[in-house]
Amino acid sequence: MTTLILGGTGKTGRRVARRLDGARIASRGTGFDLGDPATWALSGVTAVYLVEPDLRAGPRLPRFIADAVAAGARRLVLLSAPRAGEAGHPLHDAEQAVRGSGVGWTILHPNWFAQNFSEGPWAPGIRDGVLTLPAGDGGAPFVDAEDIADVAVAALTGDRHHGEVYELTGPRAVGFGEAVRVIARAAGRKIEYVDVEPEAFVARQVETGVPPAVARLLTGLLADLRDGRGADLGDGVERALGRPPRSFEDFAAATSWT
């Protein structure tokens, strides 16, 4: 029995792998390219943690899901996104493929990752002391990737999560200004949050090499926070694990900011 981890070196994938290894559950997460079917070694795989790393997702994940089930996978856990059930969302087809797979499935809808500040797209700004985003005074109930991994492993290894869609958030919405202040206190240095207009942010992203379509998509998601959307709380961590989610303060205190 082997669990295949897509994105095994990513923010959630490597945390899932670490937990499975600690529980002495066989897992595989290297030597795999979702874009190259020749690397899809599925023999002996009984469970799959599904991650689509490309925001411009196409048909490859639904195709992979079909192949994995045909090869014997009997449990699927999909890292998706809020509102991915809506037609037109990049992960809509993947969700439909999971739901219609005929095997046990669980879907995770995480809010913005707290780790975006420490090891994701906002980390350079935090390191440089100025985080510039088009989010205004908005914020989100940032969810700790450790919580996401805990829920994913519970779903990969337990039977009671079949058919569940877990909305994963932190315990409260945190504005970007407050988030940066919390990080600054934990890091013991000055860090500033600066708001920027969305179009200026798109231009800046494109200048750094981000494809225009991706830059506009990311900016639109952040602009939603600017307008007060995306702050709804979810109960997925509590329902899946029987405990409250980690707070942003806990995340900041546990993270090395050097």
C-alpha atoms as a PDB file:
ATOM      1  CA  MET A   1       0.000   0.000   0.000  1.00  0.00           C
ATOM      2  CA  THR A   2       1.557   3.260  -1.176  1.00  0.00           C
ATOM      3  CA  THR A   3       0.347   6.867  -1.096  1.00  0.00           C
ATOM      4  CA  LEU A   4       1.353   8.991  -4.078  1.00  0.00           C
ATOM      5  CA  ILE A   5       1.913  12.662  -3.289  1.00  0.00           C
ATOM      6  CA  LEU A   6       1.671  15.116  -6.167  1.00  0.00           C
ATOM      7  CA  GLY A   7       3.689  18.236  -5.446  1.00  0.00           C
ATOM      8  CA  GLY A   8       5.737  16.296  -2.922  1.00  0.00           C
ATOM      9  CA  THR A   9       8.219  19.149  -2.479  1.00  0.00           C
ATOM     10  CA  GLY A  10       5.590  21.890  -2.220  1.00  0.00           C
ATOM     11  CA  LYS A  11       4.217  23.713   0.817  1.00  0.00           C
ATOM     12  CA  THR A  12       1.653  21.054   1.693  1.00  0.00           C
ATOM     13  CA  GLY A  13       3.076  18.041  -0.125  1.00  0.00           C
ATOM     14  CA  ARG A  14       6.312  17.846   1.819  1.00  0.00           C
ATOM     15  CA  ARG A  15       4.398  18.238   5.084  1.00  0.00           C
ATOM     16  CA  VAL A  16       2.081  15.409   4.081  1.00  0.00           C
ATOM     17  CA  ALA A  17       5.109  13.263   3.202  1.00  0.00           C
ATOM     18  CA  ARG A  18       6.758  13.981   6.545  1.00  0.00           C
ATOM     19  CA  ARG A  19       3.641  12.913   8.436  1.00  0.00           C
ATOM     20  CA  LEU A  20       3.223   9.721   6.434  1.00  0.00           C
ATOM     21  CA  ASP A  21       6.884   8.860   6.929  1.00  0.00           C
ATOM     22  CA  GLY A  22       6.503   9.461  10.674  1.00  0.00           C
ATOM     23  CA  ALA A  23       3.571   7.053  10.721  1.00  0.00           C
ATOM     24  CA  ARG A  24       5.589   4.531   8.677  1.00  0.00           C
ATOM     25  CA  ILE A  25       3.135   4.685   5.798  1.00  0.00           C
ATOM     26  CA  ALA A  26       4.800   4.153   2.424  1.00  0.00           C
ATOM     27  CA  SER A  27       4.650   7.202   0.179  1.00  0.00           C
ATOM     28  CA  ARG A  28       6.112   8.373  -3.097  1.00  0.00           C
ATOM     29  CA  GLY A  29       6.531  11.971  -4.192  1.00  0.00           C
ATOM     30  CA  THR A  30       9.569  12.282  -6.443  1.00  0.00           C
ATOM     31  CA  GLY A  31      10.375  11.456 -10.051  1.00  0.00           C
ATOM     32  CA  PHE A  32       6.867  12.460 -11.089  1.00  0.00           C
ATOM     33  CA  ASP A  33       5.801  15.048 -13.667  1.00  0.00           C
ATOM     34  CA  LEU A  34       2.071  15.680 -13.958  1.00  0.00           C
ATOM     35  CA  GLY A  35       2.678  17.052 -17.439  1.00  0.00           C
ATOM     36  CA  ASP A  36       4.432  13.885 -18.635  1.00  0.00           C
ATOM     37  CA  PRO A  37       2.269  10.730 -18.572  1.00  0.00           C
ATOM     38  CA  ALA A  38       5.411   8.639 -19.094  1.00  0.00           C
ATOM     39  CA  THR A  39       6.344   9.385 -15.467  1.00  0.00           C
ATOM     40  CA  TRP A  40       2.988   8.287 -14.060  1.00  0.00           C
ATOM     41  CA  ALA A  41       4.194   5.177 -12.222  1.00  0.00           C
ATOM     42  CA  LEU A  42       0.958   4.078 -10.548  1.00  0.00           C
ATOM     43  CA  SER A  43       1.580   0.415  -9.775  1.00  0.00           C
ATOM     44  CA  GLY A  44       0.827  -0.341  -6.125  1.00  0.00           C
ATOM     45  CA  VAL A  45      -0.618   3.112  -5.417  1.00  0.00           C
ATOM     46  CA  THR A  46      -3.720   2.896  -3.228  1.00  0.00           C
ATOM     47  CA  ALA A  47      -4.173   6.558  -2.245  1.00  0.00           C
ATOM     48  CA  VAL A  48      -3.281   9.845  -3.943  1.00  0.00           C
ATOM     49  CA  TYR A  49      -2.827  13.389  -2.668  1.00  0.00           C
ATOM     50  CA  LEU A  50      -3.766  15.467  -5.697  1.00  0.00           C
ATOM     51  CA  VAL A  51      -2.262  18.913  -6.279  1.00  0.00           C
ATOM     52  CA  GLU A  52      -2.406  20.998  -9.472  1.00  0.00           C
ATOM     53  CA  PRO A  53       0.541  23.433  -9.351  1.00  0.00           C
ATOM     54  CA  ASP A  54      -0.486  25.386 -12.451  1.00  0.00           C
ATOM     55  CA  LEU A  55      -3.109  28.111 -12.036  1.00  0.00           C
ATOM     56  CA  ARG A  56      -3.950  27.625 -15.707  1.00  0.00           C
ATOM     57  CA  ALA A  57      -4.991  24.033 -15.113  1.00  0.00           C
ATOM     58  CA  GLY A  58      -6.065  22.071 -18.160  1.00  0.00           C
ATOM     59  CA  PRO A  59      -7.281  18.493 -18.618  1.00  0.00           C
ATOM     60  CA  ARG A  60      -4.174  16.769 -17.259  1.00  0.00           C
ATOM     61  CA  LEU A  61      -5.372  16.301 -13.663  1.00  0.00           C
ATOM     62  CA  PRO A  62      -8.741  14.763 -14.652  1.00  0.00           C
ATOM     63  CA  ARG A  63      -6.858  12.455 -17.012  1.00  0.00           C
ATOM     64  CA  PHE A  64      -4.437  11.505 -14.247  1.00  0.00           C
ATOM     65  CA  ILE A  65      -7.310  10.803 -11.836  1.00  0.00           C
ATOM     66  CA  ALA A  66      -8.875   8.396 -14.321  1.00  0.00           C
ATOM     67  CA  ASP A  67      -5.549   6.616 -14.827  1.00  0.00           C
ATOM     68  CA  ALA A  68      -4.877   6.388 -11.077  1.00  0.00           C
ATOM     69  CA  VAL A  69      -8.275   4.838 -10.364  1.00  0.00           C
ATOM     70  CA  ALA A  70      -7.865   2.410 -13.267  1.00  0.00           C
ATOM     71  CA  ALA A  71      -4.490   1.390 -11.799  1.00  0.00           C
ATOM     72  CA  GLY A  72      -6.023   0.601  -8.404  1.00  0.00           C
ATOM     73  CA  ALA A  73      -6.114   3.810  -6.354  1.00  0.00           C
ATOM     74  CA  ARG A  74      -9.047   3.686  -3.952  1.00  0.00           C
ATOM     75  CA  ARG A  75      -8.718   6.963  -2.062  1.00  0.00           C
ATOM     76  CA  LEU A  76      -8.284  10.475  -3.504  1.00  0.00           C
ATOM     77  CA  VAL A  77      -7.652  13.697  -1.585  1.00  0.00           C
ATOM     78  CA  LEU A  78      -7.713  16.830  -3.748  1.00  0.00           C
ATOM     79  CA  LEU A  79      -6.137  20.114  -2.697  1.00  0.00           C
ATOM     80  CA  SER A  80      -8.533  22.473  -4.434  1.00  0.00           C
ATOM     81  CA  ALA A  81      -9.664  26.038  -3.771  1.00  0.00           C
ATOM     82  CA  PRO A  82     -12.726  27.946  -2.562  1.00  0.00           C
ATOM     83  CA  ARG A  83     -15.384  28.302  -5.264  1.00  0.00           C
ATOM     84  CA  ALA A  84     -13.713  25.613  -7.401  1.00  0.00           C
ATOM     85  CA  GLY A  85     -17.110  23.957  -7.683  1.00  0.00           C
ATOM     86  CA  GLU A  86     -18.224  26.829  -9.914  1.00  0.00           C
ATOM     87  CA  ALA A  87     -18.101  26.298 -13.675  1.00  0.00           C
ATOM     88  CA  GLY A  88     -15.176  28.120 -15.217  1.00  0.00           C
ATOM     89  CA  HIS A  89     -12.887  27.822 -12.205  1.00  0.00           C
ATOM     90  CA  PRO A  90      -9.476  26.347 -13.178  1.00  0.00           C
ATOM     91  CA  LEU A  91      -9.995  23.421 -10.775  1.00  0.00           C
ATOM     92  CA  HIS A  92     -13.664  22.788 -11.565  1.00  0.00           C
ATOM     93  CA  ASP A  93     -12.978  19.837 -13.879  1.00  0.00           C
ATOM     94  CA  ALA A  94     -10.603  18.255 -11.359  1.00  0.00           C
ATOM     95  CA  GLU A  95     -13.268  18.448  -8.657  1.00  0.00           C
ATOM     96  CA  GLN A  96     -15.826  16.866 -10.946  1.00  0.00           C
ATOM     97  CA  ALA A  97     -13.380  14.089 -11.832  1.00  0.00           C
ATOM     98  CA  VAL A  98     -12.759  13.342  -8.153  1.00  0.00           C
ATOM     99  CA  ARG A  99     -16.471  13.341  -7.326  1.00  0.00           C
ATOM    100  CA  GLY A 100     -17.227  11.005 -10.212  1.00  0.00           C
ATOM    101  CA  SER A 101     -14.254   8.707  -9.697  1.00  0.00           C
ATOM    102  CA  GLY A 102     -16.204   5.907  -8.035  1.00  0.00           C
ATOM    103  CA  VAL A 103     -13.703   5.641  -5.156  1.00  0.00           C
ATOM    104  CA  GLY A 104     -13.344   7.311  -1.775  1.00  0.00           C
ATOM    105  CA  TRP A 105     -12.658  11.019  -2.082  1.00  0.00           C
ATOM    106  CA  THR A 106     -12.169  14.166  -0.022  1.00  0.00           C
ATOM    107  CA  ILE A 107     -11.810  17.743  -1.287  1.00  0.00           C
ATOM    108  CA  LEU A 108      -9.894  20.448   0.575  1.00  0.00           C
ATOM    109  CA  HIS A 109     -10.754  24.123   0.074  1.00  0.00           C
ATOM    110  CA  PRO A 110      -7.985  26.054   1.861  1.00  0.00           C
ATOM    111  CA  ASN A 111      -8.031  29.813   2.181  1.00  0.00           C
ATOM    112  CA  TRP A 112      -4.804  31.758   1.584  1.00  0.00           C
ATOM    113  CA  PHE A 113      -1.825  29.923   3.102  1.00  0.00           C
ATOM    114  CA  ALA A 114      -0.130  31.587   6.069  1.00  0.00           C
ATOM    115  CA  GLN A 115       3.113  30.210   4.608  1.00  0.00           C
ATOM    116  CA  ASN A 116       2.779  32.570   1.641  1.00  0.00           C
ATOM    117  CA  PHE A 117       4.471  35.058   3.955  1.00  0.00           C
ATOM    118  CA  SER A 118       7.393  32.770   4.807  1.00  0.00           C
ATOM    119  CA  GLU A 119       8.057  30.485   1.848  1.00  0.00           C
ATOM    120  CA  GLY A 120       5.733  31.649  -0.902  1.00  0.00           C
ATOM    121  CA  PRO A 121       5.206  34.674  -3.151  1.00  0.00           C
ATOM    122  CA  TRP A 122       5.189  37.239  -0.332  1.00  0.00           C
ATOM    123  CA  ALA A 123       8.371  35.995   1.341  1.00  0.00           C
ATOM    124  CA  PRO A 124      10.754  38.264  -0.638  1.00  0.00           C
ATOM    125  CA  GLY A 125       8.850  41.347   0.498  1.00  0.00           C
ATOM    126  CA  ILE A 126       8.934  40.160   4.105  1.00  0.00           C
ATOM    127  CA  ARG A 127      12.695  39.560   3.844  1.00  0.00           C
ATOM    128  CA  ASP A 128      13.261  42.968   2.248  1.00  0.00           C
ATOM    129  CA  GLY A 129      11.147  44.730   4.865  1.00  0.00           C
ATOM    130  CA  VAL A 130       8.408  46.007   2.523  1.00  0.00           C
ATOM    131  CA  LEU A 131       5.468  43.860   1.393  1.00  0.00           C
ATOM    132  CA  THR A 132       3.596  45.512  -1.485  1.00  0.00           C
ATOM    133  CA  LEU A 133       0.235  44.043  -2.495  1.00  0.00           C
ATOM    134  CA  PRO A 134      -3.036  45.288  -4.052  1.00  0.00           C
ATOM    135  CA  ALA A 135      -5.121  44.155  -1.077  1.00  0.00           C
ATOM    136  CA  GLY A 136      -5.923  47.500   0.558  1.00  0.00           C
ATOM    137  CA  ASP A 137      -7.173  47.097   4.111  1.00  0.00           C
ATOM    138  CA  GLY A 138      -8.493  43.631   3.329  1.00  0.00           C
ATOM    139  CA  GLY A 139      -7.367  40.360   4.785  1.00  0.00           C
ATOM    140  CA  ALA A 140      -8.161  36.683   5.071  1.00  0.00           C
ATOM    141  CA  PRO A 141      -8.439  33.886   7.627  1.00  0.00           C
ATOM    142  CA  PHE A 142      -5.001  32.611   6.619  1.00  0.00           C
ATOM    143  CA  VAL A 143      -4.694  28.857   7.141  1.00  0.00           C
ATOM    144  CA  ASP A 144      -1.506  27.210   8.352  1.00  0.00           C
ATOM    145  CA  ALA A 145      -0.118  24.614   5.920  1.00  0.00           C
ATOM    146  CA  GLU A 146       0.504  22.398   8.950  1.00  0.00           C
ATOM    147  CA  ASP A 147      -3.270  22.254   9.462  1.00  0.00           C
ATOM    148  CA  ILE A 148      -3.829  21.499   5.781  1.00  0.00           C
ATOM    149  CA  ALA A 149      -1.343  18.633   5.977  1.00  0.00           C
ATOM    150  CA  ASP A 150      -2.963  17.270   9.132  1.00  0.00           C
ATOM    151  CA  VAL A 151      -6.364  17.216   7.429  1.00  0.00           C
ATOM    152  CA  ALA A 152      -4.938  15.702   4.243  1.00  0.00           C
ATOM    153  CA  VAL A 153      -3.248  12.865   6.123  1.00  0.00           C
ATOM    154  CA  ALA A 154      -6.400  12.195   8.140  1.00  0.00           C
ATOM    155  CA  ALA A 155      -8.345  11.903   4.886  1.00  0.00           C
ATOM    156  CA  LEU A 156      -5.679   9.759   3.209  1.00  0.00           C
ATOM    157  CA  THR A 157      -5.561   7.293   6.090  1.00  0.00           C
ATOM    158  CA  GLY A 158      -9.066   7.314   7.600  1.00  0.00           C
ATOM    159  CA  ASP A 159     -12.449   6.163   6.360  1.00  0.00           C
ATOM    160  CA  ARG A 160     -14.762   8.793   7.847  1.00  0.00           C
ATOM    161  CA  HIS A 161     -13.747  11.588   5.454  1.00  0.00           C
ATOM    162  CA  HIS A 162     -15.255  10.085   2.293  1.00  0.00           C
ATOM    163  CA  GLY A 163     -17.429  12.569   0.429  1.00  0.00           C
ATOM    164  CA  GLU A 164     -16.396  15.514   2.608  1.00  0.00           C
ATOM    165  CA  VAL A 165     -15.526  18.973   1.316  1.00  0.00           C
ATOM    166  CA  TYR A 166     -13.527  20.765   3.993  1.00  0.00           C
ATOM    167  CA  GLU A 167     -13.366  24.565   4.002  1.00  0.00           C
ATOM    168  CA  LEU A 168     -10.009  25.191   5.692  1.00  0.00           C
ATOM    169  CA  THR A 169      -9.304  28.562   7.317  1.00  0.00           C
ATOM    170  CA  GLY A 170      -7.647  30.031  10.340  1.00  0.00           C
ATOM    171  CA  PRO A 171      -9.738  30.985  13.380  1.00  0.00           C
ATOM    172  CA  ARG A 172     -10.247  34.617  12.291  1.00  0.00           C
ATOM    173  CA  ALA A 173      -9.640  36.986   9.403  1.00  0.00           C
ATOM    174  CA  VAL A 174      -6.381  38.924   9.641  1.00  0.00           C
ATOM    175  CA  GLY A 175      -5.733  42.075   7.604  1.00  0.00           C
ATOM    176  CA  PHE A 176      -2.460  42.326   5.711  1.00  0.00           C
ATOM    177  CA  GLY A 177      -1.365  45.278   7.789  1.00  0.00           C
ATOM    178  CA  GLU A 178      -1.983  43.347  10.999  1.00  0.00           C
ATOM    179  CA  ALA A 179      -0.330  40.218   9.582  1.00  0.00           C
ATOM    180  CA  VAL A 180       2.831  42.141   8.783  1.00  0.00           C
ATOM    181  CA  ARG A 181       2.870  43.692  12.259  1.00  0.00           C
ATOM    182  CA  VAL A 182       2.531  40.233  13.850  1.00  0.00           C
ATOM    183  CA  ILE A 183       5.406  38.941  11.717  1.00  0.00           C
ATOM    184  CA  ALA A 184       7.528  42.003  12.512  1.00  0.00           C
ATOM    185  CA  ARG A 185       7.105  41.375  16.241  1.00  0.00           C
ATOM    186  CA  ALA A 186       8.014  37.706  15.840  1.00  0.00           C
ATOM    187  CA  ALA A 187      11.005  38.563  13.643  1.00  0.00           C
ATOM    188  CA  GLY A 188      12.182  41.398  15.868  1.00  0.00           C
ATOM    189  CA  ARG A 189      12.620  43.867  13.013  1.00  0.00           C
ATOM    190  CA  LYS A 190      10.728  46.503  11.069  1.00  0.00           C
ATOM    191  CA  ILE A 191       8.517  45.302   8.211  1.00  0.00           C
ATOM    192  CA  GLU A 192       6.049  47.501   6.346  1.00  0.00           C
ATOM    193  CA  TYR A 193       2.925  46.708   4.341  1.00  0.00           C
ATOM    194  CA  VAL A 194       2.251  48.991   1.366  1.00  0.00           C
ATOM    195  CA  ASP A 195      -0.951  48.962  -0.653  1.00  0.00           C
ATOM    196  CA  VAL A 196      -0.695  49.375  -4.428  1.00  0.00           C
ATOM    197  CA  GLU A 197      -3.317  49.773  -7.127  1.00  0.00           C
ATOM    198  CA  PRO A 198      -4.179  46.513  -8.919  1.00  0.00           C
ATOM    199  CA  GLU A 199      -3.080  47.622 -12.398  1.00  0.00           C
ATOM    200  CA  ALA A 200       0.274  48.779 -11.082  1.00  0.00           C
ATOM    201  CA  PHE A 201       0.712  45.421  -9.377  1.00  0.00           C
ATOM    202  CA  VAL A 202      -0.045  43.546 -12.615  1.00  0.00           C
ATOM    203  CA  ALA A 203       2.568  45.615 -14.446  1.00  0.00           C
ATOM    204  CA  ARG A 204       5.142  44.974 -11.740  1.00  0.00           C
ATOM    205  CA  GLN A 205       4.510  41.215 -11.845  1.00  0.00           C
ATOM    206  CA  VAL A 206       4.838  41.100 -15.629  1.00  0.00           C
ATOM    207  CA  GLU A 207       8.134  43.006 -15.398  1.00  0.00           C
ATOM    208  CA  THR A 208       9.509  40.239 -13.172  1.00  0.00           C
ATOM    209  CA  GLY A 209       8.600  37.541 -15.701  1.00  0.00           C
ATOM    210  CA  VAL A 210       5.146  36.440 -14.543  1.00  0.00           C
ATOM    211  CA  PRO A 211       2.923  35.631 -17.558  1.00  0.00           C
ATOM    212  CA  PRO A 212       0.299  38.391 -17.984  1.00  0.00           C
ATOM    213  CA  ALA A 213      -2.654  35.998 -17.605  1.00  0.00           C
ATOM    214  CA  VAL A 214      -1.257  34.627 -14.341  1.00  0.00           C
ATOM    215  CA  ALA A 215      -0.446  38.133 -13.089  1.00  0.00           C
ATOM    216  CA  ARG A 216      -4.022  39.248 -13.744  1.00  0.00           C
ATOM    217  CA  LEU A 217      -5.447  36.142 -12.060  1.00  0.00           C
ATOM    218  CA  LEU A 218      -3.337  36.594  -8.920  1.00  0.00           C
ATOM    219  CA  THR A 219      -4.113  40.294  -8.803  1.00  0.00           C
ATOM    220  CA  GLY A 220      -7.821  39.605  -9.141  1.00  0.00           C
ATOM    221  CA  LEU A 221      -7.703  37.205  -6.200  1.00  0.00           C
ATOM    222  CA  LEU A 222      -5.938  39.791  -4.050  1.00  0.00           C
ATOM    223  CA  ALA A 223      -8.318  42.519  -5.209  1.00  0.00           C
ATOM    224  CA  ASP A 224     -11.185  40.357  -3.932  1.00  0.00           C
ATOM    225  CA  LEU A 225      -9.655  40.701  -0.460  1.00  0.00           C
ATOM    226  CA  ARG A 226      -9.379  44.442  -1.017  1.00  0.00           C
ATOM    227  CA  ASP A 227     -13.137  44.506  -1.559  1.00  0.00           C
ATOM    228  CA  GLY A 228     -13.871  42.475   1.564  1.00  0.00           C
ATOM    229  CA  ARG A 229     -14.406  39.121  -0.120  1.00  0.00           C
ATOM    230  CA  GLY A 230     -12.646  35.942   0.966  1.00  0.00           C
ATOM    231  CA  ALA A 231     -12.887  36.595   4.714  1.00  0.00           C
ATOM    232  CA  ASP A 232     -15.490  33.928   5.499  1.00  0.00           C
ATOM    233  CA  LEU A 233     -14.521  31.422   8.159  1.00  0.00           C
ATOM    234  CA  GLY A 234     -14.682  27.672   7.543  1.00  0.00           C
ATOM    235  CA  ASP A 235     -15.066  24.836  10.023  1.00  0.00           C
ATOM    236  CA  GLY A 236     -13.097  22.228   8.084  1.00  0.00           C
ATOM    237  CA  VAL A 237     -10.160  21.902  10.479  1.00  0.00           C
ATOM    238  CA  GLU A 238     -12.487  21.475  13.448  1.00  0.00           C
ATOM    239  CA  ARG A 239     -14.701  18.949  11.636  1.00  0.00           C
ATOM    240  CA  ALA A 240     -11.809  16.896  10.303  1.00  0.00           C
ATOM    241  CA  LEU A 241      -9.509  16.945  13.325  1.00  0.00           C
ATOM    242  CA  GLY A 242     -11.702  17.758  16.321  1.00  0.00           C
ATOM    243  CA  ARG A 243      -9.557  20.746  17.282  1.00  0.00           C
ATOM    244  CA  PRO A 244      -9.459  24.440  16.378  1.00  0.00           C
ATOM    245  CA  PRO A 245      -7.140  25.684  13.634  1.00  0.00           C
ATOM    246  CA  ARG A 246      -3.793  27.261  14.447  1.00  0.00           C
ATOM    247  CA  SER A 247      -3.845  31.033  14.779  1.00  0.00           C
ATOM    248  CA  PHE A 248      -1.776  33.417  12.677  1.00  0.00           C
ATOM    249  CA  GLU A 249       0.084  34.403  15.830  1.00  0.00           C
ATOM    250  CA  ASP A 250       1.000  30.745  16.420  1.00  0.00           C
ATOM    251  CA  PHE A 251       2.226  30.464  12.837  1.00  0.00           C
ATOM    252  CA  ALA A 252       4.378  33.592  13.132  1.00  0.00           C
ATOM    253  CA  ALA A 253       5.877  32.510  16.455  1.00  0.00           C
ATOM    254  CA  ALA A 254       6.773  29.049  15.119  1.00  0.00           C
ATOM    255  CA  THR A 255       8.414  30.347  11.932  1.00  0.00           C
ATOM    256  CA  SER A 256      12.041  31.358  11.445  1.00  0.00           C
ATOM    257  CA  TRP A 257      12.146  34.826   9.866  1.00  0.00           C
ATOM    258  CA  THR A 258      15.932  35.081   9.469  1.00  0.00           C
END
